[in-house]
Amino acid sequence: MVQETAQPLKGAERRRFLAQTVQAWGAGGQRRAERELGWSRVTIRKGLQELTHGLTCVAAFCLRGRKPSEHRLPNLLSDSAALVDAQSQIDPQFRSTRLYTRLTAAGVRRQLIALKGYRDDALPSVRTIATKLDQLGYHLSKVAKVKPKKRFAHTDAIFERVAWRGVPPVVPAVTTLYRTGVKLSKDAMRALERCFTRDPQLGKWFVTISPDLLPG
């Protein structure tokens, strides 16, 4: 009967009932309640303290457990969203209003360190960043590559008639692979710099080339 009465009770009400029951049993009541009913003596003592002093202990459940990453890194979500938005683009065929980006969760983590000044040991794992991006509405999914259009007879006929002074154009195929880049003189590099627009954040690693400004 006592166990059935205590079972639906929660929190302070349950502790108060346990304390009143133990007090009614007299000396040795705590040990008896632990042995016969399986009640925790720690809970009973807390209930006795509340009953004696007329106080109620409030359980701070919200302060327990592990805090989310944005609790100790308040700008993590906004910085991640800024990095993804800066490298997103619309569907090239305008079939959807979604924004697409090639940036993965691992890429976001690397750029948070390189561009936003985060420490590697302070950032959460790649899996956690992927979860945060998903919460922000950036969903990772495979995108089908755009298939090239089939050749048509009328366009083939147009290209067959293309010629300069009766000579069809010939485009040489470049087969040399420059694994370490190409070395240029200072004058040649200075001439090319006029057609480069460098990203202020990524520096020399990200440039926009204007073909109409390339030297002939």
N, C-alpha and C. Protein backbone atom coordinates (compact mmCIF):
# COMPACT_ATOMS: atom_id res chain seq x y z
N MET A 1 0.83 -1.22 0.00
CA MET A 1 0.00 0.00 0.00
C MET A 1 0.86 1.26 0.00
N VAL A 2 1.90 1.27 0.83
CA VAL A 2 2.79 2.42 0.89
C VAL A 2 3.52 2.60 -0.44
N GLN A 3 3.98 1.51 -1.03
CA GLN A 3 4.70 1.57 -2.30
C GLN A 3 3.80 2.08 -3.42
N GLU A 4 2.56 1.66 -3.45
CA GLU A 4 1.61 2.10 -4.47
C GLU A 4 1.32 3.59 -4.33
N THR A 5 1.29 4.09 -3.12
CA THR A 5 1.04 5.52 -2.90
C THR A 5 2.23 6.36 -3.33
N ALA A 6 3.45 5.87 -3.09
CA ALA A 6 4.65 6.64 -3.41
C ALA A 6 4.98 6.62 -4.90
N GLN A 7 4.56 5.58 -5.61
CA GLN A 7 4.99 5.42 -7.00
C GLN A 7 4.56 6.55 -7.93
N PRO A 8 3.32 7.04 -7.89
CA PRO A 8 2.94 8.12 -8.82
C PRO A 8 3.47 9.50 -8.44
N LEU A 9 3.99 9.64 -7.23
CA LEU A 9 4.48 10.94 -6.78
C LEU A 9 5.84 11.26 -7.40
N LYS A 10 6.10 12.54 -7.61
CA LYS A 10 7.36 12.99 -8.21
C LYS A 10 7.97 14.12 -7.39
N GLY A 11 9.30 14.23 -7.45
CA GLY A 11 10.00 15.37 -6.91
C GLY A 11 9.81 15.56 -5.41
N ALA A 12 9.49 16.82 -5.05
CA ALA A 12 9.38 17.19 -3.63
C ALA A 12 8.23 16.47 -2.95
N GLU A 13 7.14 16.23 -3.67
CA GLU A 13 6.00 15.53 -3.08
C GLU A 13 6.38 14.11 -2.67
N ARG A 14 7.15 13.44 -3.52
CA ARG A 14 7.56 12.08 -3.21
C ARG A 14 8.53 12.07 -2.02
N ARG A 15 9.47 13.01 -1.99
CA ARG A 15 10.42 13.07 -0.88
C ARG A 15 9.71 13.34 0.45
N ARG A 16 8.69 14.19 0.40
CA ARG A 16 7.95 14.51 1.62
C ARG A 16 7.18 13.29 2.11
N PHE A 17 6.60 12.55 1.18
CA PHE A 17 5.86 11.35 1.58
C PHE A 17 6.80 10.30 2.17
N LEU A 18 7.98 10.14 1.53
CA LEU A 18 8.96 9.18 2.06
C LEU A 18 9.40 9.57 3.47
N ALA A 19 9.66 10.87 3.69
CA ALA A 19 10.11 11.34 5.00
C ALA A 19 9.03 11.13 6.06
N GLN A 20 7.78 11.43 5.72
CA GLN A 20 6.69 11.26 6.68
C GLN A 20 6.49 9.78 7.03
N THR A 21 6.64 8.92 6.05
CA THR A 21 6.49 7.49 6.30
C THR A 21 7.59 6.97 7.22
N VAL A 22 8.82 7.39 6.97
CA VAL A 22 9.95 6.95 7.79
C VAL A 22 9.81 7.47 9.22
N GLN A 23 9.37 8.72 9.36
CA GLN A 23 9.16 9.28 10.69
C GLN A 23 8.08 8.50 11.45
N ALA A 24 7.05 8.08 10.75
CA ALA A 24 5.98 7.31 11.39
C ALA A 24 6.46 5.95 11.85
N TRP A 25 7.47 5.38 11.15
CA TRP A 25 8.00 4.07 11.56
C TRP A 25 8.95 4.16 12.75
N GLY A 26 9.43 5.35 13.05
CA GLY A 26 10.29 5.53 14.21
C GLY A 26 11.73 5.13 13.93
N ALA A 27 12.46 4.76 14.99
CA ALA A 27 13.89 4.42 14.88
C ALA A 27 14.08 3.24 13.92
N GLY A 28 15.12 3.38 13.09
CA GLY A 28 15.39 2.32 12.12
C GLY A 28 14.49 2.36 10.90
N GLY A 29 13.72 3.43 10.78
CA GLY A 29 12.78 3.52 9.66
C GLY A 29 13.48 3.64 8.30
N GLN A 30 14.60 4.39 8.27
CA GLN A 30 15.32 4.55 7.00
C GLN A 30 15.87 3.21 6.49
N ARG A 31 16.46 2.45 7.41
CA ARG A 31 17.03 1.16 7.01
C ARG A 31 15.91 0.20 6.55
N ARG A 32 14.82 0.23 7.26
CA ARG A 32 13.69 -0.64 6.89
C ARG A 32 13.12 -0.27 5.53
N ALA A 33 12.99 1.06 5.26
CA ALA A 33 12.46 1.50 3.97
C ALA A 33 13.41 1.11 2.83
N GLU A 34 14.70 1.18 3.09
CA GLU A 34 15.67 0.80 2.06
C GLU A 34 15.62 -0.71 1.81
N ARG A 35 15.49 -1.49 2.90
CA ARG A 35 15.55 -2.95 2.78
C ARG A 35 14.26 -3.52 2.19
N GLU A 36 13.11 -3.04 2.65
CA GLU A 36 11.84 -3.64 2.26
C GLU A 36 11.21 -2.98 1.03
N LEU A 37 11.42 -1.68 0.86
CA LEU A 37 10.76 -0.96 -0.25
C LEU A 37 11.71 -0.51 -1.34
N GLY A 38 13.03 -0.59 -1.09
CA GLY A 38 14.00 -0.19 -2.09
C GLY A 38 14.14 1.31 -2.24
N TRP A 39 13.74 2.07 -1.21
CA TRP A 39 13.87 3.53 -1.28
C TRP A 39 15.31 3.94 -1.02
N SER A 40 15.74 5.00 -1.67
CA SER A 40 17.09 5.51 -1.48
C SER A 40 17.16 6.29 -0.17
N ARG A 41 18.18 5.97 0.63
CA ARG A 41 18.34 6.68 1.90
C ARG A 41 18.77 8.12 1.67
N VAL A 42 19.45 8.39 0.54
CA VAL A 42 19.83 9.78 0.21
C VAL A 42 18.58 10.61 -0.04
N THR A 43 17.62 10.02 -0.77
CA THR A 43 16.37 10.73 -1.04
C THR A 43 15.58 10.93 0.25
N ILE A 44 15.60 9.91 1.11
CA ILE A 44 14.88 10.02 2.38
C ILE A 44 15.47 11.14 3.23
N ARG A 45 16.81 11.21 3.31
CA ARG A 45 17.45 12.26 4.12
C ARG A 45 17.12 13.65 3.58
N LYS A 46 17.10 13.77 2.23
CA LYS A 46 16.75 15.08 1.67
C LYS A 46 15.32 15.44 2.03
N GLY A 47 14.42 14.45 1.98
CA GLY A 47 13.04 14.71 2.36
C GLY A 47 12.90 15.09 3.81
N LEU A 48 13.69 14.46 4.69
CA LEU A 48 13.65 14.81 6.12
C LEU A 48 14.14 16.23 6.36
N GLN A 49 15.19 16.64 5.64
CA GLN A 49 15.68 18.01 5.77
C GLN A 49 14.63 19.02 5.31
N GLU A 50 13.97 18.73 4.21
CA GLU A 50 12.91 19.62 3.73
C GLU A 50 11.76 19.68 4.73
N LEU A 51 11.41 18.52 5.29
CA LEU A 51 10.30 18.47 6.23
C LEU A 51 10.64 19.19 7.53
N THR A 52 11.88 19.09 7.96
CA THR A 52 12.30 19.70 9.23
C THR A 52 12.39 21.21 9.12
N HIS A 53 12.98 21.71 8.02
CA HIS A 53 13.23 23.16 7.88
C HIS A 53 12.14 23.87 7.08
N GLY A 54 11.19 23.16 6.55
CA GLY A 54 10.11 23.79 5.79
C GLY A 54 10.55 24.34 4.45
N LEU A 55 11.58 23.75 3.86
CA LEU A 55 12.10 24.20 2.56
C LEU A 55 11.82 23.16 1.49
N THR A 56 11.93 23.59 0.24
CA THR A 56 11.78 22.68 -0.90
C THR A 56 12.99 22.82 -1.80
N CYS A 57 13.71 21.72 -2.00
CA CYS A 57 14.88 21.74 -2.89
C CYS A 57 14.42 21.66 -4.34
N VAL A 58 14.85 22.63 -5.13
CA VAL A 58 14.48 22.67 -6.55
C VAL A 58 15.56 21.97 -7.36
N ALA A 59 15.16 20.98 -8.14
CA ALA A 59 16.12 20.24 -8.96
C ALA A 59 16.41 21.02 -10.24
N ALA A 60 17.65 21.43 -10.40
CA ALA A 60 18.05 22.21 -11.58
C ALA A 60 18.43 21.27 -12.72
N PHE A 61 17.41 20.64 -13.33
CA PHE A 61 17.68 19.70 -14.42
C PHE A 61 18.26 20.39 -15.64
N CYS A 62 17.90 21.68 -15.83
CA CYS A 62 18.40 22.40 -17.00
C CYS A 62 19.90 22.66 -16.94
N LEU A 63 20.48 22.58 -15.73
CA LEU A 63 21.91 22.82 -15.58
C LEU A 63 22.73 21.55 -15.68
N ARG A 64 22.06 20.43 -15.85
CA ARG A 64 22.77 19.17 -15.93
C ARG A 64 23.11 18.83 -17.37
N GLY A 65 23.98 17.86 -17.52
CA GLY A 65 24.31 17.37 -18.85
C GLY A 65 25.30 18.27 -19.57
N ARG A 66 25.63 17.86 -20.77
CA ARG A 66 26.61 18.57 -21.57
C ARG A 66 25.94 19.68 -22.36
N LYS A 67 26.54 20.86 -22.33
CA LYS A 67 25.98 22.01 -23.03
C LYS A 67 26.29 21.91 -24.53
N PRO A 68 25.44 22.49 -25.39
CA PRO A 68 25.72 22.49 -26.83
C PRO A 68 26.95 23.32 -27.16
N SER A 69 27.49 23.10 -28.33
CA SER A 69 28.72 23.78 -28.73
C SER A 69 28.55 25.29 -28.77
N GLU A 70 27.37 25.75 -29.19
CA GLU A 70 27.17 27.20 -29.29
C GLU A 70 27.06 27.86 -27.93
N HIS A 71 26.96 27.08 -26.85
CA HIS A 71 26.95 27.67 -25.50
C HIS A 71 28.31 28.25 -25.16
N ARG A 72 29.40 27.56 -25.54
CA ARG A 72 30.75 28.08 -25.26
C ARG A 72 31.33 28.80 -26.48
N LEU A 73 30.72 28.61 -27.67
CA LEU A 73 31.15 29.32 -28.88
C LEU A 73 29.92 30.04 -29.43
N PRO A 74 29.58 31.19 -28.88
CA PRO A 74 28.31 31.84 -29.23
C PRO A 74 28.19 32.25 -30.70
N ASN A 75 29.31 32.44 -31.40
CA ASN A 75 29.25 32.87 -32.80
C ASN A 75 29.43 31.72 -33.78
N LEU A 76 29.41 30.49 -33.28
CA LEU A 76 29.69 29.35 -34.16
C LEU A 76 28.65 29.21 -35.26
N LEU A 77 27.37 29.31 -34.93
CA LEU A 77 26.32 29.11 -35.92
C LEU A 77 26.32 30.24 -36.96
N SER A 78 26.46 31.48 -36.50
CA SER A 78 26.44 32.61 -37.44
C SER A 78 27.67 32.59 -38.34
N ASP A 79 28.83 32.24 -37.81
CA ASP A 79 30.04 32.17 -38.63
C ASP A 79 29.95 31.03 -39.64
N SER A 80 29.39 29.90 -39.24
CA SER A 80 29.24 28.78 -40.17
C SER A 80 28.28 29.14 -41.29
N ALA A 81 27.17 29.79 -40.93
CA ALA A 81 26.20 30.19 -41.95
C ALA A 81 26.80 31.20 -42.92
N ALA A 82 27.62 32.12 -42.41
CA ALA A 82 28.24 33.12 -43.28
C ALA A 82 29.20 32.46 -44.28
N LEU A 83 29.95 31.45 -43.84
CA LEU A 83 30.87 30.77 -44.74
C LEU A 83 30.13 30.01 -45.82
N VAL A 84 29.04 29.35 -45.46
CA VAL A 84 28.28 28.57 -46.44
C VAL A 84 27.56 29.50 -47.42
N ASP A 85 26.96 30.57 -46.91
CA ASP A 85 26.24 31.50 -47.79
C ASP A 85 27.17 32.17 -48.79
N ALA A 86 28.40 32.44 -48.38
CA ALA A 86 29.35 33.12 -49.27
C ALA A 86 29.76 32.25 -50.45
N GLN A 87 29.62 30.95 -50.32
CA GLN A 87 30.03 30.05 -51.40
C GLN A 87 28.86 29.26 -51.97
N SER A 88 27.66 29.79 -51.83
CA SER A 88 26.47 29.14 -52.36
C SER A 88 26.06 29.81 -53.67
N GLN A 89 25.40 29.05 -54.51
CA GLN A 89 24.90 29.59 -55.77
C GLN A 89 23.56 28.95 -56.09
N ILE A 90 22.81 29.62 -56.94
CA ILE A 90 21.49 29.10 -57.31
C ILE A 90 21.63 28.02 -58.36
N ASP A 91 20.55 27.34 -58.60
CA ASP A 91 20.54 26.30 -59.61
C ASP A 91 20.81 26.93 -60.97
N PRO A 92 21.85 26.48 -61.69
CA PRO A 92 22.17 27.11 -62.99
C PRO A 92 21.06 27.01 -64.02
N GLN A 93 20.16 26.04 -63.87
CA GLN A 93 19.06 25.90 -64.81
C GLN A 93 17.75 26.48 -64.26
N PHE A 94 17.81 27.11 -63.06
CA PHE A 94 16.66 27.78 -62.46
C PHE A 94 15.46 26.86 -62.30
N ARG A 95 15.72 25.59 -62.01
CA ARG A 95 14.63 24.65 -61.79
C ARG A 95 14.21 24.61 -60.33
N SER A 96 14.96 25.25 -59.46
CA SER A 96 14.67 25.24 -58.03
C SER A 96 15.18 26.54 -57.41
N THR A 97 14.56 26.89 -56.28
CA THR A 97 15.00 28.08 -55.55
C THR A 97 16.05 27.76 -54.50
N ARG A 98 16.48 26.51 -54.44
CA ARG A 98 17.49 26.12 -53.48
C ARG A 98 18.86 26.69 -53.83
N LEU A 99 19.68 26.84 -52.80
CA LEU A 99 21.06 27.25 -52.99
C LEU A 99 21.96 26.04 -52.85
N TYR A 100 22.95 25.93 -53.73
CA TYR A 100 23.86 24.79 -53.73
C TYR A 100 25.28 25.28 -53.43
N THR A 101 26.01 24.45 -52.75
CA THR A 101 27.40 24.76 -52.44
C THR A 101 28.20 23.47 -52.43
N ARG A 102 29.48 23.58 -52.76
CA ARG A 102 30.38 22.44 -52.72
C ARG A 102 31.05 22.29 -51.35
N LEU A 103 30.74 23.17 -50.43
CA LEU A 103 31.39 23.18 -49.13
C LEU A 103 30.79 22.10 -48.24
N THR A 104 31.62 21.21 -47.75
CA THR A 104 31.19 20.15 -46.84
C THR A 104 31.39 20.59 -45.39
N ALA A 105 30.95 19.75 -44.47
CA ALA A 105 31.13 20.06 -43.06
C ALA A 105 32.62 20.12 -42.69
N ALA A 106 33.41 19.23 -43.29
CA ALA A 106 34.85 19.28 -43.05
C ALA A 106 35.45 20.58 -43.60
N GLY A 107 34.97 21.03 -44.77
CA GLY A 107 35.44 22.30 -45.33
C GLY A 107 35.05 23.49 -44.47
N VAL A 108 33.85 23.46 -43.92
CA VAL A 108 33.42 24.53 -43.01
C VAL A 108 34.32 24.58 -41.78
N ARG A 109 34.66 23.42 -41.26
CA ARG A 109 35.52 23.37 -40.07
C ARG A 109 36.91 23.94 -40.38
N ARG A 110 37.46 23.59 -41.55
CA ARG A 110 38.78 24.13 -41.92
C ARG A 110 38.74 25.64 -42.09
N GLN A 111 37.68 26.16 -42.69
CA GLN A 111 37.59 27.60 -42.91
C GLN A 111 37.29 28.36 -41.62
N LEU A 112 36.61 27.72 -40.68
CA LEU A 112 36.42 28.37 -39.38
C LEU A 112 37.77 28.61 -38.70
N ILE A 113 38.69 27.68 -38.89
CA ILE A 113 40.02 27.83 -38.31
C ILE A 113 40.83 28.86 -39.09
N ALA A 114 40.77 28.78 -40.45
CA ALA A 114 41.61 29.63 -41.28
C ALA A 114 41.11 31.07 -41.35
N LEU A 115 39.79 31.27 -41.40
CA LEU A 115 39.24 32.59 -41.66
C LEU A 115 38.60 33.26 -40.44
N LYS A 116 38.10 32.46 -39.52
CA LYS A 116 37.38 33.02 -38.37
C LYS A 116 38.18 32.98 -37.07
N GLY A 117 39.37 32.40 -37.11
CA GLY A 117 40.24 32.44 -35.94
C GLY A 117 39.93 31.43 -34.86
N TYR A 118 39.17 30.38 -35.17
CA TYR A 118 38.89 29.36 -34.16
C TYR A 118 40.11 28.43 -33.99
N ARG A 119 40.24 27.88 -32.80
CA ARG A 119 41.28 26.90 -32.54
C ARG A 119 40.77 25.50 -32.85
N ASP A 120 41.67 24.66 -33.31
CA ASP A 120 41.28 23.31 -33.69
C ASP A 120 40.74 22.54 -32.49
N ASP A 121 41.36 22.69 -31.34
CA ASP A 121 40.92 21.94 -30.17
C ASP A 121 39.65 22.50 -29.55
N ALA A 122 39.26 23.71 -29.94
CA ALA A 122 38.04 24.31 -29.40
C ALA A 122 36.81 23.99 -30.23
N LEU A 123 36.99 23.66 -31.50
CA LEU A 123 35.86 23.38 -32.38
C LEU A 123 35.34 21.96 -32.15
N PRO A 124 34.03 21.76 -32.36
CA PRO A 124 33.49 20.40 -32.28
C PRO A 124 33.92 19.57 -33.48
N SER A 125 33.55 18.32 -33.48
CA SER A 125 33.95 17.41 -34.56
C SER A 125 33.20 17.73 -35.84
N VAL A 126 33.64 17.11 -36.93
CA VAL A 126 33.00 17.31 -38.23
C VAL A 126 31.55 16.84 -38.19
N ARG A 127 31.29 15.73 -37.51
CA ARG A 127 29.93 15.22 -37.40
C ARG A 127 29.01 16.23 -36.69
N THR A 128 29.53 16.86 -35.63
CA THR A 128 28.73 17.85 -34.91
C THR A 128 28.45 19.06 -35.78
N ILE A 129 29.45 19.51 -36.54
CA ILE A 129 29.24 20.66 -37.43
C ILE A 129 28.23 20.32 -38.51
N ALA A 130 28.27 19.09 -39.02
CA ALA A 130 27.27 18.66 -40.00
C ALA A 130 25.87 18.71 -39.40
N THR A 131 25.75 18.31 -38.14
CA THR A 131 24.45 18.36 -37.47
C THR A 131 23.98 19.81 -37.30
N LYS A 132 24.90 20.70 -36.95
CA LYS A 132 24.54 22.12 -36.79
C LYS A 132 24.11 22.72 -38.12
N LEU A 133 24.80 22.37 -39.20
CA LEU A 133 24.42 22.87 -40.52
C LEU A 133 23.04 22.37 -40.90
N ASP A 134 22.74 21.13 -40.55
CA ASP A 134 21.42 20.58 -40.84
C ASP A 134 20.35 21.33 -40.06
N GLN A 135 20.65 21.70 -38.81
CA GLN A 135 19.70 22.47 -38.01
C GLN A 135 19.48 23.86 -38.59
N LEU A 136 20.50 24.41 -39.24
CA LEU A 136 20.39 25.73 -39.86
C LEU A 136 19.68 25.68 -41.20
N GLY A 137 19.40 24.47 -41.70
CA GLY A 137 18.69 24.34 -42.97
C GLY A 137 19.58 24.00 -44.14
N TYR A 138 20.86 23.73 -43.91
CA TYR A 138 21.77 23.34 -44.99
C TYR A 138 21.86 21.82 -44.99
N HIS A 139 21.19 21.21 -45.95
CA HIS A 139 21.11 19.76 -46.00
C HIS A 139 22.06 19.23 -47.06
N LEU A 140 22.90 18.28 -46.66
CA LEU A 140 23.83 17.67 -47.59
C LEU A 140 23.10 16.62 -48.42
N SER A 141 23.26 16.69 -49.72
CA SER A 141 22.62 15.72 -50.61
C SER A 141 23.42 15.64 -51.90
N LYS A 142 23.30 14.51 -52.55
CA LYS A 142 23.97 14.32 -53.83
C LYS A 142 23.19 15.04 -54.92
N VAL A 143 23.92 15.73 -55.77
CA VAL A 143 23.31 16.48 -56.87
C VAL A 143 23.75 15.85 -58.18
N ALA A 144 22.78 15.54 -59.02
CA ALA A 144 23.10 14.94 -60.31
C ALA A 144 23.82 15.95 -61.20
N LYS A 145 24.86 15.50 -61.84
CA LYS A 145 25.61 16.38 -62.73
C LYS A 145 24.77 16.75 -63.95
N VAL A 146 24.99 17.96 -64.42
CA VAL A 146 24.26 18.43 -65.59
C VAL A 146 24.77 17.69 -66.82
N LYS A 147 23.87 17.02 -67.48
CA LYS A 147 24.26 16.27 -68.67
C LYS A 147 24.38 17.21 -69.87
N PRO A 148 25.42 17.09 -70.67
CA PRO A 148 25.56 17.95 -71.84
C PRO A 148 24.48 17.63 -72.88
N LYS A 149 24.07 18.66 -73.57
CA LYS A 149 23.05 18.47 -74.59
C LYS A 149 23.61 17.68 -75.77
N LYS A 150 22.73 16.94 -76.36
CA LYS A 150 23.13 16.14 -77.51
C LYS A 150 23.44 17.04 -78.70
N ARG A 151 24.25 16.53 -79.57
CA ARG A 151 24.59 17.30 -80.77
C ARG A 151 23.41 17.28 -81.74
N PHE A 152 23.26 18.40 -82.41
CA PHE A 152 22.18 18.52 -83.38
C PHE A 152 22.78 18.73 -84.77
N ALA A 153 22.04 18.30 -85.77
CA ALA A 153 22.56 18.34 -87.13
C ALA A 153 22.80 19.77 -87.60
N HIS A 154 21.90 20.72 -87.23
CA HIS A 154 22.05 22.08 -87.75
C HIS A 154 23.25 22.79 -87.10
N THR A 155 23.54 22.46 -85.82
CA THR A 155 24.72 23.08 -85.21
C THR A 155 26.00 22.48 -85.78
N ASP A 156 26.00 21.21 -86.06
CA ASP A 156 27.17 20.59 -86.68
C ASP A 156 27.45 21.22 -88.04
N ALA A 157 26.38 21.52 -88.77
CA ALA A 157 26.58 22.14 -90.09
C ALA A 157 27.17 23.53 -89.96
N ILE A 158 26.79 24.26 -88.92
CA ILE A 158 27.33 25.60 -88.72
C ILE A 158 28.82 25.54 -88.44
N PHE A 159 29.24 24.63 -87.57
CA PHE A 159 30.65 24.53 -87.22
C PHE A 159 31.49 24.01 -88.39
N GLU A 160 30.88 23.23 -89.26
CA GLU A 160 31.62 22.76 -90.43
C GLU A 160 31.95 23.91 -91.37
N ARG A 161 31.13 24.99 -91.35
CA ARG A 161 31.35 26.13 -92.25
C ARG A 161 32.25 27.20 -91.63
N VAL A 162 32.59 27.04 -90.34
CA VAL A 162 33.44 28.03 -89.68
C VAL A 162 34.85 27.92 -90.23
N ALA A 163 35.38 29.03 -90.71
CA ALA A 163 36.74 29.04 -91.25
C ALA A 163 37.24 30.48 -91.26
N TRP A 164 38.54 30.62 -91.27
CA TRP A 164 39.18 31.93 -91.37
C TRP A 164 40.02 31.93 -92.63
N ARG A 165 39.53 32.71 -93.62
CA ARG A 165 40.18 32.78 -94.91
C ARG A 165 40.31 31.39 -95.55
N GLY A 166 39.22 30.64 -95.38
CA GLY A 166 39.18 29.33 -96.00
C GLY A 166 39.88 28.23 -95.24
N VAL A 167 40.49 28.58 -94.09
CA VAL A 167 41.21 27.57 -93.31
C VAL A 167 40.43 27.31 -92.02
N PRO A 168 40.03 26.05 -91.77
CA PRO A 168 39.31 25.74 -90.53
C PRO A 168 40.20 26.00 -89.32
N PRO A 169 39.62 26.45 -88.22
CA PRO A 169 40.43 26.72 -87.03
C PRO A 169 40.98 25.41 -86.44
N VAL A 170 42.19 25.51 -85.94
CA VAL A 170 42.83 24.36 -85.31
C VAL A 170 43.23 24.77 -83.89
N VAL A 171 42.75 24.03 -82.91
CA VAL A 171 43.06 24.31 -81.51
C VAL A 171 44.02 23.22 -81.02
N PRO A 172 45.26 23.57 -80.71
CA PRO A 172 46.19 22.55 -80.24
C PRO A 172 45.81 22.05 -78.85
N ALA A 173 45.94 20.75 -78.64
CA ALA A 173 45.63 20.16 -77.35
C ALA A 173 46.86 20.24 -76.44
N VAL A 174 46.66 20.74 -75.23
CA VAL A 174 47.74 20.85 -74.27
C VAL A 174 47.79 19.55 -73.46
N THR A 175 48.86 18.84 -73.59
CA THR A 175 49.01 17.55 -72.89
C THR A 175 50.00 17.61 -71.74
N THR A 176 50.68 18.74 -71.59
CA THR A 176 51.66 18.85 -70.52
C THR A 176 50.95 19.08 -69.18
N LEU A 177 51.35 18.35 -68.16
CA LEU A 177 50.78 18.48 -66.84
C LEU A 177 51.76 19.24 -65.94
N TYR A 178 51.34 20.42 -65.51
CA TYR A 178 52.19 21.26 -64.66
C TYR A 178 51.83 20.99 -63.20
N ARG A 179 52.54 20.05 -62.59
CA ARG A 179 52.21 19.64 -61.23
C ARG A 179 52.57 20.69 -60.19
N THR A 180 53.60 21.45 -60.42
CA THR A 180 54.04 22.45 -59.44
C THR A 180 53.81 23.87 -59.93
N GLY A 181 52.96 24.04 -60.94
CA GLY A 181 52.69 25.37 -61.44
C GLY A 181 53.68 25.81 -62.51
N VAL A 182 53.58 27.07 -62.87
CA VAL A 182 54.43 27.66 -63.92
C VAL A 182 55.13 28.88 -63.33
N LYS A 183 56.42 28.98 -63.55
CA LYS A 183 57.18 30.13 -63.06
C LYS A 183 57.13 31.24 -64.10
N LEU A 184 56.82 32.45 -63.64
CA LEU A 184 56.75 33.61 -64.52
C LEU A 184 57.71 34.68 -64.01
N SER A 185 58.14 35.50 -64.93
CA SER A 185 58.98 36.63 -64.53
C SER A 185 58.12 37.69 -63.85
N LYS A 186 58.77 38.64 -63.19
CA LYS A 186 58.03 39.69 -62.49
C LYS A 186 57.21 40.54 -63.46
N ASP A 187 57.78 40.82 -64.64
CA ASP A 187 57.05 41.63 -65.61
C ASP A 187 55.82 40.89 -66.13
N ALA A 188 55.99 39.58 -66.40
CA ALA A 188 54.86 38.79 -66.89
C ALA A 188 53.78 38.68 -65.82
N MET A 189 54.20 38.50 -64.56
CA MET A 189 53.23 38.40 -63.47
C MET A 189 52.52 39.72 -63.23
N ARG A 190 53.27 40.82 -63.40
CA ARG A 190 52.66 42.15 -63.22
C ARG A 190 51.60 42.40 -64.28
N ALA A 191 51.82 41.89 -65.48
CA ALA A 191 50.84 42.06 -66.56
C ALA A 191 49.59 41.23 -66.28
N LEU A 192 49.78 40.04 -65.71
CA LEU A 192 48.62 39.20 -65.41
C LEU A 192 47.83 39.70 -64.21
N GLU A 193 48.50 40.38 -63.28
CA GLU A 193 47.82 40.85 -62.09
C GLU A 193 46.70 41.84 -62.42
N ARG A 194 46.81 42.51 -63.58
CA ARG A 194 45.79 43.49 -63.95
C ARG A 194 44.44 42.84 -64.23
N CYS A 195 44.44 41.53 -64.57
CA CYS A 195 43.17 40.87 -64.89
C CYS A 195 42.73 39.95 -63.75
N PHE A 196 43.41 40.02 -62.60
CA PHE A 196 43.04 39.21 -61.44
C PHE A 196 42.29 40.06 -60.43
N THR A 197 41.26 39.49 -59.84
CA THR A 197 40.57 40.09 -58.70
C THR A 197 40.65 39.10 -57.56
N ARG A 198 41.43 39.42 -56.53
CA ARG A 198 41.67 38.49 -55.44
C ARG A 198 40.63 38.65 -54.34
N ASP A 199 40.26 37.52 -53.76
CA ASP A 199 39.36 37.53 -52.62
C ASP A 199 40.11 38.06 -51.39
N PRO A 200 39.59 39.08 -50.70
CA PRO A 200 40.34 39.64 -49.55
C PRO A 200 40.53 38.67 -48.40
N GLN A 201 39.67 37.66 -48.30
CA GLN A 201 39.79 36.71 -47.19
C GLN A 201 40.68 35.54 -47.53
N LEU A 202 40.56 35.03 -48.75
CA LEU A 202 41.35 33.86 -49.14
C LEU A 202 42.67 34.24 -49.79
N GLY A 203 42.88 35.52 -50.06
CA GLY A 203 44.18 35.96 -50.57
C GLY A 203 44.53 35.37 -51.91
N LYS A 204 45.76 34.92 -52.04
CA LYS A 204 46.26 34.48 -53.34
C LYS A 204 45.68 33.15 -53.78
N TRP A 205 44.93 32.49 -52.90
CA TRP A 205 44.42 31.17 -53.25
C TRP A 205 43.07 31.24 -53.97
N PHE A 206 42.49 32.40 -54.12
CA PHE A 206 41.18 32.50 -54.77
C PHE A 206 41.16 33.77 -55.61
N VAL A 207 41.11 33.63 -56.92
CA VAL A 207 41.13 34.79 -57.80
C VAL A 207 40.02 34.65 -58.83
N THR A 208 39.55 35.80 -59.29
CA THR A 208 38.62 35.88 -60.41
C THR A 208 39.34 36.47 -61.60
N ILE A 209 39.32 35.76 -62.73
CA ILE A 209 40.06 36.17 -63.92
C ILE A 209 39.09 36.81 -64.91
N SER A 210 39.46 37.99 -65.37
CA SER A 210 38.68 38.67 -66.40
C SER A 210 39.33 38.40 -67.77
N PRO A 211 38.72 37.56 -68.61
CA PRO A 211 39.37 37.19 -69.89
C PRO A 211 39.62 38.36 -70.81
N ASP A 212 38.73 39.38 -70.76
CA ASP A 212 38.90 40.49 -71.68
C ASP A 212 40.12 41.37 -71.34
N LEU A 213 40.67 41.19 -70.14
CA LEU A 213 41.85 41.96 -69.74
C LEU A 213 43.16 41.18 -69.91
N LEU A 214 43.05 39.93 -70.34
CA LEU A 214 44.28 39.14 -70.51
C LEU A 214 45.15 39.73 -71.61
N PRO A 215 46.45 39.75 -71.39
CA PRO A 215 47.34 40.28 -72.43
C PRO A 215 47.35 39.39 -73.68
N GLY A 216 47.38 40.02 -74.82
CA GLY A 216 47.39 39.24 -76.07
C GLY A 216 48.67 38.52 -76.28
